[in-house]
Amino acid sequence: MRELDHLMTRMEGLERKLKDVNPNNKEAHGGFGWLNAQEWYELVGMHFRHHLRQKYELDQRLGLDVSPD
């Protein structure tokens, strides 16, 4: 949990810096093409939510008492 809290803090810090990044600067992603910093940031959130959903589904299959939050 400590590492997840650390990650969230880092992401919040990065989010504040996005407004200063030129949106025309892009870096290639293997599946989504060329992304700017804002798009990369949003992709990280999407990826994280995907893994949380996977964990929830696995926990349900194992019969653990979980909530989707």
C-alpha atoms as a PDB file:
ATOM      1  CA  MET A   1       0.000   0.000   0.000  1.00  0.00           C
ATOM      2  CA  ARG A   2       2.900   2.337   0.741  1.00  0.00           C
ATOM      3  CA  GLU A   3       4.193   1.893  -2.817  1.00  0.00           C
ATOM      4  CA  LEU A   4       0.742   2.599  -4.281  1.00  0.00           C
ATOM      5  CA  ASP A   5       0.503   5.768  -2.179  1.00  0.00           C
ATOM      6  CA  HIS A   6       3.950   6.782  -3.425  1.00  0.00           C
ATOM      7  CA  LEU A   7       2.870   6.169  -7.022  1.00  0.00           C
ATOM      8  CA  MET A   8      -0.266   8.273  -6.570  1.00  0.00           C
ATOM      9  CA  THR A   9       1.790  11.133  -5.137  1.00  0.00           C
ATOM     10  CA  ARG A  10       4.195  10.960  -8.078  1.00  0.00           C
ATOM     11  CA  MET A  11       1.313  10.920 -10.562  1.00  0.00           C
ATOM     12  CA  GLU A  12      -0.278  13.974  -8.926  1.00  0.00           C
ATOM     13  CA  GLY A  13       3.028  15.822  -9.223  1.00  0.00           C
ATOM     14  CA  LEU A  14       3.330  14.897 -12.881  1.00  0.00           C
ATOM     15  CA  GLU A  15      -0.240  15.950 -13.598  1.00  0.00           C
ATOM     16  CA  ARG A  16       0.512  19.484 -12.376  1.00  0.00           C
ATOM     17  CA  LYS A  17       3.469  19.690 -14.783  1.00  0.00           C
ATOM     18  CA  LEU A  18       1.533  18.613 -17.884  1.00  0.00           C
ATOM     19  CA  LYS A  19       0.253  22.105 -18.642  1.00  0.00           C
ATOM     20  CA  ASP A  20       3.843  23.225 -19.231  1.00  0.00           C
ATOM     21  CA  VAL A  21       4.661  20.490 -21.765  1.00  0.00           C
ATOM     22  CA  ASN A  22       4.367  21.252 -25.462  1.00  0.00           C
ATOM     23  CA  PRO A  23       1.544  19.020 -26.771  1.00  0.00           C
ATOM     24  CA  ASN A  24       3.299  18.767 -30.141  1.00  0.00           C
ATOM     25  CA  ASN A  25       6.189  16.813 -28.580  1.00  0.00           C
ATOM     26  CA  LYS A  26       5.318  13.155 -29.002  1.00  0.00           C
ATOM     27  CA  GLU A  27       6.863   9.774 -28.349  1.00  0.00           C
ATOM     28  CA  ALA A  28       5.968   6.536 -30.095  1.00  0.00           C
ATOM     29  CA  HIS A  29       3.909   3.882 -28.330  1.00  0.00           C
ATOM     30  CA  GLY A  30       3.944   0.377 -29.798  1.00  0.00           C
ATOM     31  CA  GLY A  31       0.181   0.008 -29.939  1.00  0.00           C
ATOM     32  CA  PHE A  32      -1.317   3.507 -29.814  1.00  0.00           C
ATOM     33  CA  GLY A  33       0.970   5.416 -32.158  1.00  0.00           C
ATOM     34  CA  TRP A  34       2.472   8.791 -31.289  1.00  0.00           C
ATOM     35  CA  LEU A  35       1.397  10.214 -27.928  1.00  0.00           C
ATOM     36  CA  ASN A  36       2.096  13.514 -26.202  1.00  0.00           C
ATOM     37  CA  ALA A  37       2.663  13.844 -22.448  1.00  0.00           C
ATOM     38  CA  GLN A  38      -1.038  14.312 -21.635  1.00  0.00           C
ATOM     39  CA  GLU A  39      -1.951  11.233 -23.657  1.00  0.00           C
ATOM     40  CA  TRP A  40       0.771   9.159 -21.972  1.00  0.00           C
ATOM     41  CA  TYR A  41      -0.495  10.308 -18.576  1.00  0.00           C
ATOM     42  CA  GLU A  42      -4.051   9.274 -19.443  1.00  0.00           C
ATOM     43  CA  LEU A  43      -2.779   5.915 -20.724  1.00  0.00           C
ATOM     44  CA  VAL A  44      -1.096   5.209 -17.375  1.00  0.00           C
ATOM     45  CA  GLY A  45      -4.421   5.790 -15.604  1.00  0.00           C
ATOM     46  CA  MET A  46      -6.261   3.540 -18.040  1.00  0.00           C
ATOM     47  CA  HIS A  47      -3.642   0.814 -17.618  1.00  0.00           C
ATOM     48  CA  PHE A  48      -3.809   1.034 -13.826  1.00  0.00           C
ATOM     49  CA  ARG A  49      -7.624   0.809 -13.828  1.00  0.00           C
ATOM     50  CA  HIS A  50      -7.370  -2.233 -16.098  1.00  0.00           C
ATOM     51  CA  HIS A  51      -5.167  -4.031 -13.558  1.00  0.00           C
ATOM     52  CA  LEU A  52      -7.428  -3.063 -10.660  1.00  0.00           C
ATOM     53  CA  ARG A  53     -10.367  -4.545 -12.567  1.00  0.00           C
ATOM     54  CA  GLN A  54      -8.379  -7.734 -13.189  1.00  0.00           C
ATOM     55  CA  LYS A  55      -7.533  -7.972  -9.483  1.00  0.00           C
ATOM     56  CA  TYR A  56     -11.170  -7.507  -8.525  1.00  0.00           C
ATOM     57  CA  GLU A  57     -12.244 -10.279 -10.924  1.00  0.00           C
ATOM     58  CA  LEU A  58      -9.566 -12.636  -9.613  1.00  0.00           C
ATOM     59  CA  ASP A  59     -10.517 -11.895  -6.008  1.00  0.00           C
ATOM     60  CA  GLN A  60     -14.159 -12.675  -6.844  1.00  0.00           C
ATOM     61  CA  ARG A  61     -13.186 -15.997  -8.428  1.00  0.00           C
ATOM     62  CA  LEU A  62     -11.214 -16.862  -5.314  1.00  0.00           C
ATOM     63  CA  GLY A  63     -14.262 -16.131  -3.201  1.00  0.00           C
ATOM     64  CA  LEU A  64     -12.676 -13.198  -1.386  1.00  0.00           C
ATOM     65  CA  ASP A  65     -14.973 -10.565   0.089  1.00  0.00           C
ATOM     66  CA  VAL A  66     -14.099  -7.555  -2.089  1.00  0.00           C
ATOM     67  CA  SER A  67     -15.696  -4.359  -3.258  1.00  0.00           C
ATOM     68  CA  PRO A  68     -15.004  -2.800  -6.676  1.00  0.00           C
ATOM     69  CA  ASP A  69     -13.780   0.487  -5.096  1.00  0.00           C
END
